[in-house]
Amino acid sequence: MTVVESAQRFGAAARTRRTKQWAALAVLLAVVAVAAWVVWFSALLTVKEVRVVGAVNLSADSVRQAAAVPAGIQLARVGTDGIVERVAALPRVASVEVRRGWPNVLVVVVTERRPLAVTRDGGGWTYLDVTGARFGSLTTVPRGMATLTADNDTAMSSAIAVYAALPKPLAARVASVAARTRDDVVVTLADGTTVQWGDASQSDRKAAVLAALLKVKAVSYDVSAPDLPTTRGTGSTKP
């Protein structure tokens, strides 16, 4: 084989390889284009169901209505940030997560607020959660729930912090918490006994001191300075 023939053969082989490579690339691009069309534009992956998970007091329909997912939209094109923002605006919702369940299910996971106590709302009552968010409308105070009142938002934050820090056995005995200022929180027990709590600092310590003081009958207790607690109207020791 001459040098010329060898060069011609080598050139032909190289052109064949390039042709195959370009053909493979064209096929790959075609596959990618088809896949992109299916995902983003075809009716094959449109949202067929909006599934609501975690709603207990909220109805699933109210969550779907707030989510406002456009009819016939492809799952990949759903704007999840907008859905989160709209559903989170529902007063009872604490947090929202949106997931895509391929091929055609959009899942909205809702975490509802947990009532901590109730507070006045016009002529009725409304729930408060630990963050101070208000939700729900009540005509009466639910059995076993404490009422929280305050003269301003700062004082309310202090009242919430105090009540949220109480151990469950003590919290169960509380009828109300009132705050005139952030440093002047008063806890009233179900039997009418009052506790001057002060501010929300050292609440764990104050609760422990109060638990010991409650063994002695009194009209009121003061644990605002937990190292120097006082009582008023002290009577007999409780069994």
Protein backbone atom coordinates (compact mmCIF):
# COMPACT_ATOMS: atom_id res chain seq x y z
CA MET A 1 0.00 0.00 0.00
CA THR A 2 1.41 3.34 -1.00
CA VAL A 3 1.64 6.32 1.28
CA VAL A 4 -1.10 8.05 -0.68
CA GLU A 5 -3.45 5.08 -0.38
CA SER A 6 -2.74 4.86 3.36
CA ALA A 7 -3.52 8.55 3.85
CA GLN A 8 -6.74 8.23 1.86
CA ARG A 9 -7.84 5.25 3.92
CA PHE A 10 -7.00 7.04 7.19
CA GLY A 11 -8.92 10.11 6.07
CA ALA A 12 -11.97 8.06 5.15
CA ALA A 13 -11.92 6.33 8.56
CA ALA A 14 -11.67 9.67 10.33
CA ARG A 15 -14.61 11.06 8.34
CA THR A 16 -16.64 7.95 9.20
CA ARG A 17 -15.87 8.42 12.91
CA ARG A 18 -16.85 12.08 12.77
CA THR A 19 -20.06 11.21 10.94
CA LYS A 20 -20.95 8.64 13.61
CA GLN A 21 -20.10 11.10 16.37
CA TRP A 22 -22.28 13.82 14.83
CA ALA A 23 -25.08 11.30 14.34
CA ALA A 24 -24.84 10.21 17.99
CA LEU A 25 -24.83 13.84 19.13
CA ALA A 26 -27.88 14.58 16.97
CA VAL A 27 -29.72 11.62 18.48
CA LEU A 28 -28.78 12.75 21.99
CA LEU A 29 -29.97 16.29 21.32
CA ALA A 30 -33.20 14.95 19.88
CA VAL A 31 -33.77 12.81 22.98
CA VAL A 32 -33.07 15.78 25.26
CA ALA A 33 -35.41 18.00 23.24
CA VAL A 34 -38.19 15.43 23.37
CA ALA A 35 -37.68 14.91 27.11
CA ALA A 36 -37.76 18.66 27.73
CA TRP A 37 -40.93 19.00 25.67
CA VAL A 38 -42.59 16.16 27.58
CA VAL A 39 -41.62 17.62 30.97
CA TRP A 40 -42.30 21.29 30.29
CA PHE A 41 -44.95 21.46 27.60
CA SER A 42 -46.83 18.20 27.01
CA ALA A 43 -50.03 17.09 28.72
CA LEU A 44 -48.39 13.88 29.92
CA LEU A 45 -46.99 15.45 33.11
CA THR A 46 -49.69 17.99 33.95
CA VAL A 47 -50.93 18.24 37.53
CA LYS A 48 -53.81 15.84 37.98
CA GLU A 49 -54.05 16.03 41.78
CA VAL A 50 -53.17 18.50 44.54
CA ARG A 51 -52.73 16.33 47.61
CA VAL A 52 -52.88 18.00 51.04
CA VAL A 53 -51.02 16.36 53.93
CA GLY A 54 -51.09 17.44 57.59
CA ALA A 55 -54.33 19.42 57.63
CA VAL A 56 -56.38 18.58 60.73
CA ASN A 57 -58.43 21.62 61.68
CA LEU A 58 -58.04 23.13 58.23
CA SER A 59 -59.98 21.55 55.41
CA ALA A 60 -57.99 20.19 52.48
CA ASP A 61 -60.19 22.21 50.14
CA SER A 62 -59.29 25.47 51.87
CA VAL A 63 -55.60 24.66 51.44
CA ARG A 64 -56.12 23.82 47.75
CA GLN A 65 -58.03 27.05 47.26
CA ALA A 66 -55.21 29.06 48.85
CA ALA A 67 -52.59 27.16 46.82
CA ALA A 68 -54.39 28.23 43.61
CA VAL A 69 -52.58 25.79 41.33
CA PRO A 70 -53.45 26.69 37.68
CA ALA A 71 -55.47 24.04 35.87
CA GLY A 72 -53.56 22.07 33.25
CA ILE A 73 -50.12 23.29 34.28
CA GLN A 74 -47.15 20.97 33.89
CA LEU A 75 -45.80 19.68 37.20
CA ALA A 76 -42.32 21.00 36.43
CA ARG A 77 -43.65 24.50 35.79
CA VAL A 78 -45.53 24.89 39.09
CA GLY A 79 -44.18 27.87 41.06
CA THR A 80 -43.73 26.35 44.52
CA ASP A 81 -42.59 29.60 46.19
CA GLY A 82 -45.89 31.26 45.34
CA ILE A 83 -47.87 28.32 46.70
CA VAL A 84 -45.89 28.37 49.96
CA GLU A 85 -46.51 32.10 50.34
CA ARG A 86 -50.25 31.83 49.68
CA VAL A 87 -50.88 28.83 51.93
CA ALA A 88 -48.70 30.26 54.71
CA ALA A 89 -51.00 33.30 54.74
CA LEU A 90 -53.77 31.13 56.23
CA PRO A 91 -53.86 32.14 59.92
CA ARG A 92 -53.83 28.56 61.21
CA VAL A 93 -50.78 27.51 59.16
CA ALA A 94 -47.38 27.47 60.87
CA SER A 95 -45.31 26.16 57.96
CA VAL A 96 -45.72 24.81 54.42
CA GLU A 97 -43.69 22.53 52.17
CA VAL A 98 -44.49 21.77 48.52
CA ARG A 99 -43.25 18.57 46.86
CA ARG A 100 -43.59 17.20 43.34
CA GLY A 101 -44.87 13.64 43.16
CA TRP A 102 -44.09 12.49 39.64
CA PRO A 103 -45.68 12.06 37.24
CA ASN A 104 -48.65 14.31 38.08
CA VAL A 105 -49.23 14.86 41.82
CA LEU A 106 -48.42 18.07 43.68
CA VAL A 107 -48.14 17.49 47.43
CA VAL A 108 -48.74 20.36 49.87
CA VAL A 109 -47.50 19.49 53.37
CA VAL A 110 -49.02 21.71 56.05
CA THR A 111 -48.02 22.08 59.70
CA GLU A 112 -50.80 23.70 61.69
CA ARG A 113 -50.25 26.05 64.60
CA ARG A 114 -50.67 24.50 68.04
CA PRO A 115 -52.86 26.51 70.43
CA LEU A 116 -50.97 27.56 73.55
CA ALA A 117 -53.66 29.68 75.16
CA VAL A 118 -56.48 32.05 74.23
CA THR A 119 -56.81 35.83 74.32
CA ARG A 120 -59.53 38.39 73.80
CA ASP A 121 -60.53 39.22 70.24
CA GLY A 122 -63.23 41.86 70.13
CA GLY A 123 -66.27 40.38 71.82
CA GLY A 124 -64.92 36.84 71.63
CA TRP A 125 -61.71 34.90 71.91
CA THR A 126 -58.95 33.66 69.65
CA TYR A 127 -56.13 31.14 69.97
CA LEU A 128 -52.50 32.13 70.55
CA ASP A 129 -49.53 29.96 69.65
CA VAL A 130 -46.05 30.14 71.14
CA THR A 131 -44.97 32.72 68.55
CA GLY A 132 -47.84 35.04 69.44
CA ALA A 133 -49.76 34.38 66.22
CA ARG A 134 -53.53 34.60 66.57
CA PHE A 135 -55.89 32.25 64.76
CA GLY A 136 -59.41 30.91 64.99
CA SER A 137 -62.54 32.54 66.36
CA LEU A 138 -64.12 31.39 69.63
CA THR A 139 -67.20 32.49 71.53
CA THR A 140 -66.07 30.92 74.82
CA VAL A 141 -62.81 29.81 76.37
CA PRO A 142 -62.24 26.08 75.76
CA ARG A 143 -62.17 23.98 78.90
CA GLY A 144 -58.70 23.64 80.36
CA MET A 145 -57.14 26.51 78.37
CA ALA A 146 -55.56 29.52 80.06
CA THR A 147 -56.32 33.10 79.02
CA LEU A 148 -53.54 35.58 78.32
CA THR A 149 -54.00 39.36 78.45
CA ALA A 150 -51.53 42.20 78.06
CA ASP A 151 -51.45 45.97 77.73
CA ASN A 152 -49.22 45.91 74.64
CA ASP A 153 -47.42 43.57 72.27
CA THR A 154 -44.18 43.59 74.26
CA ALA A 155 -46.03 42.67 77.43
CA MET A 156 -47.90 39.92 75.56
CA SER A 157 -44.60 38.45 74.37
CA SER A 158 -43.50 38.28 77.99
CA ALA A 159 -46.78 36.65 79.10
CA ILE A 160 -46.46 34.05 76.35
CA ALA A 161 -42.84 33.32 77.27
CA VAL A 162 -43.79 32.82 80.94
CA TYR A 163 -46.70 30.50 80.23
CA ALA A 164 -44.81 28.49 77.59
CA ALA A 165 -41.98 27.89 80.08
CA LEU A 166 -44.21 26.41 82.79
CA PRO A 167 -43.94 22.66 83.45
CA LYS A 168 -47.08 20.82 82.33
CA PRO A 169 -48.35 20.03 85.87
CA LEU A 170 -48.11 23.71 86.81
CA ALA A 171 -49.46 24.98 83.50
CA ALA A 172 -52.52 22.77 84.00
CA ARG A 173 -53.32 24.70 87.19
CA VAL A 174 -53.12 28.14 85.55
CA ALA A 175 -56.34 30.01 84.76
CA SER A 176 -54.82 33.20 83.38
CA VAL A 177 -51.65 35.18 82.79
CA ALA A 178 -51.77 38.99 82.71
CA ALA A 179 -48.98 41.40 81.84
CA ARG A 180 -49.04 45.17 82.21
CA THR A 181 -45.42 45.47 81.08
CA ARG A 182 -42.70 42.98 80.06
CA ASP A 183 -41.47 43.02 83.69
CA ASP A 184 -44.84 42.76 85.41
CA VAL A 185 -46.40 39.38 84.69
CA VAL A 186 -49.00 37.95 87.08
CA VAL A 187 -50.08 34.31 86.96
CA THR A 188 -53.47 33.39 88.43
CA LEU A 189 -54.19 29.78 89.34
CA ALA A 190 -57.56 28.10 88.96
CA ASP A 191 -58.29 28.46 92.70
CA GLY A 192 -57.78 32.24 92.52
CA THR A 193 -54.28 32.26 93.96
CA THR A 194 -52.03 34.86 92.32
CA VAL A 195 -48.34 34.65 91.57
CA GLN A 196 -46.22 37.71 90.97
CA TRP A 197 -43.82 36.42 88.31
CA GLY A 198 -41.95 39.52 87.23
CA ASP A 199 -40.36 39.13 83.81
CA ALA A 200 -39.83 35.96 81.77
CA SER A 201 -36.23 35.44 82.87
CA GLN A 202 -35.33 32.46 85.09
CA SER A 203 -38.77 30.96 84.53
CA ASP A 204 -37.49 27.43 85.14
CA ARG A 205 -36.07 28.52 88.51
CA LYS A 206 -39.21 30.45 89.40
CA ALA A 207 -41.41 27.45 88.56
CA ALA A 208 -39.33 25.18 90.81
CA VAL A 209 -39.53 27.68 93.67
CA LEU A 210 -43.28 28.07 93.20
CA ALA A 211 -43.79 24.30 93.26
CA ALA A 212 -42.17 24.26 96.70
CA LEU A 213 -44.14 27.28 97.93
CA LEU A 214 -47.47 25.82 96.82
CA LYS A 215 -47.14 23.26 99.62
CA VAL A 216 -48.08 26.11 101.95
CA LYS A 217 -51.50 27.70 101.53
CA ALA A 218 -51.37 31.39 100.71
CA VAL A 219 -53.43 34.09 99.03
CA SER A 220 -50.52 35.09 96.81
CA TYR A 221 -46.92 34.21 96.06
CA ASP A 222 -44.08 36.33 94.72
CA VAL A 223 -41.31 34.57 92.82
CA SER A 224 -40.14 37.59 90.81
CA ALA A 225 -36.87 37.30 92.76
CA PRO A 226 -36.65 33.49 92.96
CA ASP A 227 -33.85 33.52 95.55
CA LEU A 228 -35.99 35.68 97.86
CA PRO A 229 -39.59 34.45 97.35
CA THR A 230 -42.40 35.71 99.53
CA THR A 231 -45.98 34.74 100.34
CA ARG A 232 -49.01 36.63 101.64
CA GLY A 233 -51.91 35.28 103.63
CA THR A 234 -49.99 32.14 104.57
CA GLY A 235 -52.02 29.40 106.21
CA SER A 236 -51.60 25.70 106.92
CA THR A 237 -49.26 23.39 105.09
CA LYS A 238 -50.93 21.42 102.31
CA PRO A 239 -50.87 17.63 102.62
